[in-house]
């Protein structure tokens, strides 16, 4: 079964590489072309697939532990994470990338903590998670907009927020 999974991943990597070969390689503003990321993803996936097959052929998942998940879905957590993703998609052009992704992070944390029985709705937890969300989203935004010259929606027109 694990060998089949690795082979399927390898097939998916090859399909992604084929798709990347159809994308123009003409360099953009940042010096890399639009096909750079698809090639990178397909190469990384192919390495993972080969490692999966190698691991399966040398004994597979030897020390696999039983799953620790619940028997039933945790609907409250699912709703928190769903709201996070939907609000991110809805608000990204209004709030900008950084704030909408920070909000997505905050709501997702509520969902995951809820599933662990540790839901914290105090203001301090919201602020802490919001600051962490901004700390994660801001460097991603700046890397894409300033280093790679890829336009992401910002809150202001300066390109820094």
N, C-alpha and C. Protein backbone atom coordinates (compact mmCIF):
# COMPACT_ATOMS: atom_id res chain seq x y z
N UNK A 1 0.82 -1.20 0.00
CA UNK A 1 0.00 0.00 0.00
C UNK A 1 0.87 1.26 0.00
N UNK A 2 1.92 1.25 0.82
CA UNK A 2 2.80 2.42 0.89
C UNK A 2 3.55 2.62 -0.42
N UNK A 3 3.92 1.53 -1.08
CA UNK A 3 4.60 1.64 -2.37
C UNK A 3 3.66 2.25 -3.40
N UNK A 4 2.40 1.86 -3.35
CA UNK A 4 1.40 2.42 -4.26
C UNK A 4 1.22 3.92 -4.01
N UNK A 5 1.22 4.31 -2.76
CA UNK A 5 1.09 5.72 -2.42
C UNK A 5 2.28 6.50 -2.98
N UNK A 6 3.49 5.98 -2.80
CA UNK A 6 4.68 6.63 -3.34
C UNK A 6 4.64 6.72 -4.85
N UNK A 7 4.18 5.64 -5.51
CA UNK A 7 4.07 5.65 -6.98
C UNK A 7 3.04 6.69 -7.44
N UNK A 8 1.94 6.78 -6.69
CA UNK A 8 0.93 7.78 -7.03
C UNK A 8 1.46 9.19 -6.87
N UNK A 9 2.25 9.42 -5.82
CA UNK A 9 2.86 10.73 -5.63
C UNK A 9 3.85 11.04 -6.75
N UNK A 10 4.61 10.03 -7.17
CA UNK A 10 5.56 10.22 -8.28
C UNK A 10 4.81 10.57 -9.56
N UNK A 11 3.70 9.90 -9.81
CA UNK A 11 2.89 10.21 -10.98
C UNK A 11 2.36 11.64 -10.91
N UNK A 12 1.89 12.03 -9.74
CA UNK A 12 1.41 13.40 -9.56
C UNK A 12 2.54 14.41 -9.79
N UNK A 13 3.74 14.11 -9.30
CA UNK A 13 4.90 14.99 -9.50
C UNK A 13 5.22 15.12 -10.99
N UNK A 14 5.16 14.02 -11.71
CA UNK A 14 5.43 14.06 -13.14
C UNK A 14 4.36 14.85 -13.89
N UNK A 15 3.11 14.71 -13.47
CA UNK A 15 2.03 15.51 -14.09
C UNK A 15 2.22 16.99 -13.81
N UNK A 16 2.65 17.33 -12.60
CA UNK A 16 2.94 18.73 -12.28
C UNK A 16 4.11 19.24 -13.11
N UNK A 17 5.13 18.43 -13.29
CA UNK A 17 6.28 18.82 -14.11
C UNK A 17 5.85 19.03 -15.56
N UNK A 18 5.00 18.15 -16.06
CA UNK A 18 4.48 18.33 -17.42
C UNK A 18 3.71 19.64 -17.52
N UNK A 19 2.89 19.93 -16.53
CA UNK A 19 2.16 21.20 -16.52
C UNK A 19 3.11 22.39 -16.45
N UNK A 20 4.18 22.27 -15.66
CA UNK A 20 5.16 23.36 -15.55
C UNK A 20 5.87 23.60 -16.87
N UNK A 21 6.04 22.54 -17.64
CA UNK A 21 6.73 22.70 -18.93
C UNK A 21 5.88 23.48 -19.93
N UNK A 22 4.59 23.57 -19.68
CA UNK A 22 3.72 24.32 -20.60
C UNK A 22 3.61 25.80 -20.23
N UNK A 23 4.18 26.17 -19.08
CA UNK A 23 4.13 27.56 -18.63
C UNK A 23 5.35 28.29 -19.16
N UNK A 24 5.19 29.52 -19.57
CA UNK A 24 6.28 30.34 -20.10
C UNK A 24 7.38 30.48 -19.07
N UNK A 25 8.63 30.41 -19.54
CA UNK A 25 9.76 30.55 -18.62
C UNK A 25 10.35 31.95 -18.66
N UNK A 26 9.72 32.85 -19.36
CA UNK A 26 10.22 34.23 -19.48
C UNK A 26 10.26 34.88 -18.11
N UNK A 27 11.43 35.40 -17.73
CA UNK A 27 11.61 35.98 -16.40
C UNK A 27 10.77 37.24 -16.23
N UNK A 28 10.22 37.39 -15.02
CA UNK A 28 9.41 38.56 -14.70
C UNK A 28 10.27 39.62 -14.01
N UNK A 29 9.62 40.48 -13.24
CA UNK A 29 10.32 41.57 -12.56
C UNK A 29 11.36 41.07 -11.58
N UNK A 30 11.08 40.00 -10.89
CA UNK A 30 11.97 39.50 -9.84
C UNK A 30 13.08 38.60 -10.36
N UNK A 31 13.16 38.38 -11.66
CA UNK A 31 14.21 37.55 -12.22
C UNK A 31 13.84 36.09 -12.36
N UNK A 32 12.73 35.67 -11.80
CA UNK A 32 12.28 34.30 -11.97
C UNK A 32 11.01 34.30 -12.80
N UNK A 33 10.85 33.27 -13.59
CA UNK A 33 9.67 33.19 -14.44
C UNK A 33 8.49 32.58 -13.72
N UNK A 34 7.34 32.62 -14.35
CA UNK A 34 6.14 32.08 -13.72
C UNK A 34 6.15 30.56 -13.59
N UNK A 35 7.10 29.89 -14.25
CA UNK A 35 7.15 28.43 -14.14
C UNK A 35 8.09 27.97 -13.02
N UNK A 36 8.75 28.89 -12.33
CA UNK A 36 9.70 28.51 -11.28
C UNK A 36 9.04 27.73 -10.16
N UNK A 37 7.96 28.26 -9.60
CA UNK A 37 7.31 27.60 -8.47
C UNK A 37 6.72 26.25 -8.84
N UNK A 38 6.04 26.10 -10.00
CA UNK A 38 5.55 24.76 -10.36
C UNK A 38 6.69 23.74 -10.51
N UNK A 39 7.83 24.15 -11.07
CA UNK A 39 8.96 23.24 -11.17
C UNK A 39 9.50 22.87 -9.79
N UNK A 40 9.59 23.85 -8.91
CA UNK A 40 10.08 23.60 -7.56
C UNK A 40 9.17 22.63 -6.81
N UNK A 41 7.87 22.85 -6.91
CA UNK A 41 6.90 21.97 -6.23
C UNK A 41 6.96 20.56 -6.81
N UNK A 42 7.03 20.44 -8.12
CA UNK A 42 7.06 19.10 -8.72
C UNK A 42 8.35 18.37 -8.36
N UNK A 43 9.48 19.08 -8.30
CA UNK A 43 10.74 18.44 -7.91
C UNK A 43 10.70 17.98 -6.45
N UNK A 44 10.18 18.84 -5.57
CA UNK A 44 10.09 18.48 -4.15
C UNK A 44 9.15 17.29 -3.96
N UNK A 45 8.03 17.29 -4.68
CA UNK A 45 7.08 16.19 -4.57
C UNK A 45 7.68 14.89 -5.09
N UNK A 46 8.48 14.98 -6.15
CA UNK A 46 9.12 13.78 -6.69
C UNK A 46 10.13 13.21 -5.69
N UNK A 47 10.89 14.08 -5.02
CA UNK A 47 11.83 13.62 -3.99
C UNK A 47 11.07 12.92 -2.87
N UNK A 48 9.97 13.52 -2.42
CA UNK A 48 9.15 12.91 -1.36
C UNK A 48 8.59 11.56 -1.81
N UNK A 49 8.16 11.48 -3.06
CA UNK A 49 7.61 10.23 -3.59
C UNK A 49 8.67 9.14 -3.62
N UNK A 50 9.85 9.49 -4.09
CA UNK A 50 10.93 8.50 -4.13
C UNK A 50 11.33 8.04 -2.73
N UNK A 51 11.37 8.97 -1.79
CA UNK A 51 11.67 8.59 -0.40
C UNK A 51 10.57 7.69 0.17
N UNK A 52 9.33 7.96 -0.19
CA UNK A 52 8.21 7.14 0.28
C UNK A 52 8.33 5.72 -0.27
N UNK A 53 8.66 5.59 -1.56
CA UNK A 53 8.82 4.26 -2.17
C UNK A 53 10.02 3.54 -1.54
N UNK A 54 11.13 4.26 -1.38
CA UNK A 54 12.32 3.66 -0.77
C UNK A 54 12.01 3.17 0.65
N UNK A 55 11.31 4.00 1.40
CA UNK A 55 10.96 3.63 2.77
C UNK A 55 10.04 2.39 2.77
N UNK A 56 9.10 2.35 1.85
CA UNK A 56 8.17 1.21 1.79
C UNK A 56 8.91 -0.07 1.41
N UNK A 57 9.88 0.04 0.50
CA UNK A 57 10.62 -1.15 0.06
C UNK A 57 11.61 -1.65 1.11
N UNK A 58 11.95 -0.81 2.07
CA UNK A 58 12.90 -1.23 3.11
C UNK A 58 12.21 -1.52 4.44
N UNK A 59 10.95 -1.80 4.41
CA UNK A 59 10.26 -2.20 5.63
C UNK A 59 9.05 -1.38 5.98
N UNK A 60 8.86 -0.28 5.33
CA UNK A 60 7.66 0.52 5.55
C UNK A 60 7.63 1.22 6.89
N UNK A 61 6.45 1.55 7.30
CA UNK A 61 6.25 2.27 8.55
C UNK A 61 6.32 1.29 9.72
N UNK A 62 7.53 1.09 10.20
CA UNK A 62 7.77 0.08 11.22
C UNK A 62 7.22 0.45 12.59
N UNK A 63 7.34 1.69 12.96
CA UNK A 63 6.94 2.10 14.30
C UNK A 63 5.68 2.96 14.27
N UNK A 64 4.75 2.60 13.44
CA UNK A 64 3.52 3.37 13.30
C UNK A 64 2.65 3.22 14.55
N UNK A 65 2.29 4.35 15.12
CA UNK A 65 1.44 4.33 16.30
C UNK A 65 -0.02 4.44 15.87
N UNK A 66 -0.89 4.01 16.73
CA UNK A 66 -2.32 4.13 16.45
C UNK A 66 -2.71 5.60 16.42
N UNK A 67 -3.68 5.91 15.60
CA UNK A 67 -4.14 7.28 15.48
C UNK A 67 -4.66 7.83 16.81
N UNK A 68 -4.43 9.12 17.03
CA UNK A 68 -4.86 9.71 18.29
C UNK A 68 -6.12 10.55 18.13
N UNK A 69 -6.68 10.55 16.93
CA UNK A 69 -7.86 11.37 16.67
C UNK A 69 -9.11 10.83 17.31
N UNK A 70 -10.11 11.67 17.36
CA UNK A 70 -11.39 11.27 17.94
C UNK A 70 -12.15 10.37 16.97
N UNK A 71 -13.11 9.66 17.49
CA UNK A 71 -13.92 8.77 16.67
C UNK A 71 -14.87 9.55 15.76
N UNK A 72 -15.25 10.74 16.21
CA UNK A 72 -16.21 11.54 15.45
C UNK A 72 -15.59 12.89 15.13
N UNK A 73 -16.12 13.52 14.11
CA UNK A 73 -15.64 14.84 13.71
C UNK A 73 -15.93 15.87 14.79
N UNK A 74 -15.06 16.84 14.90
CA UNK A 74 -15.27 17.94 15.85
C UNK A 74 -15.83 19.11 15.06
N UNK A 75 -17.14 19.25 15.07
CA UNK A 75 -17.82 20.22 14.22
C UNK A 75 -17.54 21.66 14.62
N UNK A 76 -17.37 21.94 15.90
CA UNK A 76 -17.09 23.31 16.32
C UNK A 76 -15.75 23.78 15.74
N UNK A 77 -14.74 22.92 15.82
CA UNK A 77 -13.44 23.25 15.24
C UNK A 77 -13.51 23.41 13.74
N UNK A 78 -14.27 22.53 13.09
CA UNK A 78 -14.46 22.62 11.65
C UNK A 78 -15.08 23.94 11.25
N UNK A 79 -16.05 24.40 12.03
CA UNK A 79 -16.71 25.68 11.73
C UNK A 79 -15.76 26.86 11.91
N UNK A 80 -14.92 26.83 12.94
CA UNK A 80 -13.94 27.90 13.15
C UNK A 80 -12.98 27.99 11.96
N UNK A 81 -12.44 26.85 11.55
CA UNK A 81 -11.47 26.83 10.45
C UNK A 81 -12.15 27.19 9.13
N UNK A 82 -13.36 26.72 8.92
CA UNK A 82 -14.10 27.08 7.69
C UNK A 82 -14.36 28.58 7.64
N UNK A 83 -14.77 29.15 8.76
CA UNK A 83 -14.98 30.60 8.82
C UNK A 83 -13.68 31.34 8.53
N UNK A 84 -12.57 30.83 9.05
CA UNK A 84 -11.27 31.46 8.82
C UNK A 84 -10.95 31.52 7.33
N UNK A 85 -11.11 30.40 6.64
CA UNK A 85 -10.79 30.35 5.22
C UNK A 85 -11.74 31.20 4.39
N UNK A 86 -13.03 31.13 4.71
CA UNK A 86 -14.00 31.92 3.95
C UNK A 86 -13.82 33.41 4.16
N UNK A 87 -13.57 33.82 5.40
CA UNK A 87 -13.34 35.24 5.67
C UNK A 87 -12.05 35.74 5.03
N UNK A 88 -11.04 34.89 5.00
CA UNK A 88 -9.79 35.27 4.34
C UNK A 88 -10.05 35.54 2.86
N UNK A 89 -10.75 34.65 2.21
CA UNK A 89 -11.06 34.83 0.79
C UNK A 89 -11.94 36.06 0.56
N UNK A 90 -12.86 36.30 1.47
CA UNK A 90 -13.79 37.42 1.33
C UNK A 90 -13.11 38.76 1.60
N UNK A 91 -12.20 38.82 2.56
CA UNK A 91 -11.66 40.09 3.03
C UNK A 91 -10.26 40.43 2.52
N UNK A 92 -9.63 39.56 1.75
CA UNK A 92 -8.24 39.80 1.37
C UNK A 92 -8.08 41.06 0.53
N UNK A 93 -9.06 41.39 -0.31
CA UNK A 93 -8.93 42.61 -1.12
C UNK A 93 -9.34 43.85 -0.34
N UNK A 94 -10.05 43.68 0.76
CA UNK A 94 -10.48 44.81 1.58
C UNK A 94 -9.45 45.12 2.67
N UNK A 95 -9.05 44.11 3.43
CA UNK A 95 -8.11 44.29 4.53
C UNK A 95 -6.66 44.20 4.09
N UNK A 96 -6.41 43.61 2.94
CA UNK A 96 -5.05 43.35 2.50
C UNK A 96 -4.60 41.98 2.95
N UNK A 97 -3.52 41.52 2.35
CA UNK A 97 -3.01 40.18 2.59
C UNK A 97 -2.65 39.94 4.05
N UNK A 98 -1.90 40.86 4.64
CA UNK A 98 -1.38 40.65 5.99
C UNK A 98 -2.50 40.52 7.02
N UNK A 99 -3.42 41.47 7.03
CA UNK A 99 -4.48 41.44 8.04
C UNK A 99 -5.47 40.30 7.81
N UNK A 100 -5.79 40.01 6.54
CA UNK A 100 -6.73 38.91 6.30
C UNK A 100 -6.10 37.56 6.66
N UNK A 101 -4.81 37.40 6.39
CA UNK A 101 -4.14 36.15 6.77
C UNK A 101 -3.98 36.04 8.28
N UNK A 102 -3.74 37.18 8.94
CA UNK A 102 -3.65 37.17 10.41
C UNK A 102 -5.00 36.76 11.00
N UNK A 103 -6.08 37.28 10.45
CA UNK A 103 -7.42 36.90 10.91
C UNK A 103 -7.66 35.40 10.67
N UNK A 104 -7.24 34.93 9.53
CA UNK A 104 -7.37 33.49 9.22
C UNK A 104 -6.61 32.66 10.25
N UNK A 105 -5.42 33.11 10.61
CA UNK A 105 -4.62 32.41 11.62
C UNK A 105 -5.33 32.39 12.96
N UNK A 106 -5.83 33.55 13.38
CA UNK A 106 -6.50 33.66 14.68
C UNK A 106 -7.70 32.72 14.76
N UNK A 107 -8.53 32.72 13.74
CA UNK A 107 -9.73 31.86 13.76
C UNK A 107 -9.36 30.39 13.65
N UNK A 108 -8.32 30.07 12.88
CA UNK A 108 -7.89 28.67 12.77
C UNK A 108 -7.36 28.16 14.10
N UNK A 109 -6.62 29.01 14.81
CA UNK A 109 -6.13 28.61 16.14
C UNK A 109 -7.31 28.30 17.04
N UNK A 110 -8.36 29.13 16.99
CA UNK A 110 -9.55 28.86 17.80
C UNK A 110 -10.10 27.46 17.46
N UNK A 111 -10.15 27.13 16.17
CA UNK A 111 -10.68 25.83 15.76
C UNK A 111 -9.83 24.66 16.25
N UNK A 112 -8.51 24.78 16.09
CA UNK A 112 -7.64 23.68 16.50
C UNK A 112 -7.61 23.54 18.02
N UNK A 113 -7.59 24.64 18.73
CA UNK A 113 -7.62 24.57 20.20
C UNK A 113 -8.95 24.03 20.68
N UNK A 114 -10.02 24.39 19.98
CA UNK A 114 -11.34 23.88 20.33
C UNK A 114 -11.37 22.35 20.22
N UNK A 115 -10.74 21.83 19.18
CA UNK A 115 -10.71 20.38 18.98
C UNK A 115 -9.92 19.68 20.08
N UNK A 116 -8.98 20.40 20.69
CA UNK A 116 -8.19 19.83 21.79
C UNK A 116 -8.84 20.08 23.15
N UNK A 117 -9.99 20.77 23.16
CA UNK A 117 -10.66 21.09 24.40
C UNK A 117 -10.00 22.24 25.14
N UNK A 118 -9.25 23.09 24.43
CA UNK A 118 -8.53 24.20 25.05
C UNK A 118 -8.94 25.54 24.46
N UNK A 119 -10.16 25.68 24.03
CA UNK A 119 -10.64 26.92 23.42
C UNK A 119 -10.53 28.07 24.42
N UNK A 120 -9.82 29.11 24.03
CA UNK A 120 -9.61 30.28 24.89
C UNK A 120 -10.17 31.49 24.17
N UNK A 121 -11.26 32.05 24.67
CA UNK A 121 -11.91 33.19 24.03
C UNK A 121 -11.59 34.51 24.71
N UNK A 122 -10.60 34.51 25.61
CA UNK A 122 -10.22 35.75 26.29
C UNK A 122 -9.52 36.69 25.31
N UNK A 123 -9.64 37.98 25.54
CA UNK A 123 -9.06 39.00 24.68
C UNK A 123 -7.55 38.81 24.54
N UNK A 124 -6.90 38.45 25.62
CA UNK A 124 -5.44 38.26 25.58
C UNK A 124 -5.04 37.20 24.55
N UNK A 125 -5.79 36.10 24.48
CA UNK A 125 -5.49 35.04 23.52
C UNK A 125 -5.70 35.52 22.08
N UNK A 126 -6.77 36.29 21.86
CA UNK A 126 -7.04 36.83 20.52
C UNK A 126 -5.91 37.76 20.08
N UNK A 127 -5.47 38.63 20.99
CA UNK A 127 -4.41 39.59 20.65
C UNK A 127 -3.09 38.86 20.39
N UNK A 128 -2.75 37.90 21.27
CA UNK A 128 -1.51 37.14 21.10
C UNK A 128 -1.50 36.42 19.75
N UNK A 129 -2.59 35.73 19.42
CA UNK A 129 -2.66 35.01 18.16
C UNK A 129 -2.67 35.97 16.98
N UNK A 130 -3.29 37.13 17.14
CA UNK A 130 -3.27 38.14 16.08
C UNK A 130 -1.87 38.63 15.80
N UNK A 131 -1.09 38.87 16.84
CA UNK A 131 0.29 39.31 16.67
C UNK A 131 1.15 38.23 16.02
N UNK A 132 0.92 36.99 16.40
CA UNK A 132 1.64 35.88 15.77
C UNK A 132 1.25 35.79 14.30
N UNK A 133 -0.04 35.95 14.01
CA UNK A 133 -0.51 35.90 12.63
C UNK A 133 0.12 36.98 11.77
N UNK A 134 0.21 38.19 12.31
CA UNK A 134 0.87 39.29 11.58
C UNK A 134 2.36 38.99 11.40
N UNK A 135 2.99 38.42 12.44
CA UNK A 135 4.42 38.10 12.36
C UNK A 135 4.70 37.03 11.31
N UNK A 136 3.73 36.17 11.05
CA UNK A 136 3.90 35.14 10.01
C UNK A 136 3.56 35.71 8.64
N UNK A 137 2.47 36.46 8.53
CA UNK A 137 1.99 36.94 7.23
C UNK A 137 2.84 38.07 6.66
N UNK A 138 3.34 38.96 7.50
CA UNK A 138 4.08 40.13 7.00
C UNK A 138 5.34 39.74 6.22
N UNK A 139 6.20 38.88 6.74
CA UNK A 139 7.39 38.51 5.94
C UNK A 139 7.02 37.82 4.63
N UNK A 140 5.96 37.03 4.63
CA UNK A 140 5.52 36.38 3.39
C UNK A 140 5.08 37.44 2.39
N UNK A 141 4.30 38.41 2.87
CA UNK A 141 3.83 39.50 2.00
C UNK A 141 5.01 40.28 1.44
N UNK A 142 5.94 40.66 2.30
CA UNK A 142 7.09 41.44 1.84
C UNK A 142 7.98 40.66 0.90
N UNK A 143 8.15 39.36 1.14
CA UNK A 143 8.96 38.55 0.25
C UNK A 143 8.34 38.51 -1.15
N UNK A 144 7.03 38.27 -1.19
CA UNK A 144 6.38 38.19 -2.49
C UNK A 144 6.34 39.54 -3.19
N UNK A 145 6.02 40.60 -2.47
CA UNK A 145 5.87 41.90 -3.13
C UNK A 145 7.19 42.61 -3.38
N UNK A 146 8.14 42.53 -2.46
CA UNK A 146 9.39 43.27 -2.61
C UNK A 146 10.49 42.46 -3.30
N UNK A 147 10.63 41.20 -2.96
CA UNK A 147 11.71 40.40 -3.55
C UNK A 147 11.31 39.73 -4.86
N UNK A 148 10.10 39.19 -4.92
CA UNK A 148 9.67 38.49 -6.12
C UNK A 148 8.84 39.36 -7.06
N UNK A 149 8.49 40.55 -6.62
CA UNK A 149 7.70 41.49 -7.42
C UNK A 149 6.37 40.88 -7.87
N UNK A 150 5.75 40.14 -6.96
CA UNK A 150 4.43 39.56 -7.23
C UNK A 150 3.41 40.40 -6.47
N UNK A 151 2.40 40.84 -7.16
CA UNK A 151 1.39 41.70 -6.54
C UNK A 151 0.45 40.90 -5.65
N UNK A 152 0.37 41.31 -4.40
CA UNK A 152 -0.61 40.79 -3.46
C UNK A 152 -1.40 41.98 -2.95
N UNK A 153 -2.67 41.79 -2.62
CA UNK A 153 -3.45 42.93 -2.15
C UNK A 153 -2.92 43.46 -0.82
N UNK A 154 -2.70 44.76 -0.77
CA UNK A 154 -2.22 45.39 0.45
C UNK A 154 -3.28 46.28 1.03
N UNK A 155 -3.07 46.69 2.27
CA UNK A 155 -3.98 47.60 2.92
C UNK A 155 -3.76 49.02 2.41
N UNK A 156 -2.50 49.36 2.12
CA UNK A 156 -2.16 50.68 1.57
C UNK A 156 -1.50 50.49 0.21
N UNK A 157 -1.26 51.56 -0.48
CA UNK A 157 -0.62 51.49 -1.80
C UNK A 157 0.90 51.58 -1.72
N UNK A 158 1.46 51.64 -0.52
CA UNK A 158 2.91 51.78 -0.37
C UNK A 158 3.66 50.50 -0.71
N UNK A 159 2.99 49.36 -0.67
CA UNK A 159 3.65 48.08 -0.92
C UNK A 159 4.28 47.48 0.33
N UNK A 160 4.16 48.15 1.48
CA UNK A 160 4.75 47.65 2.72
C UNK A 160 3.71 47.22 3.73
N UNK A 161 2.43 47.44 3.47
CA UNK A 161 1.39 46.98 4.40
C UNK A 161 0.14 46.63 3.64
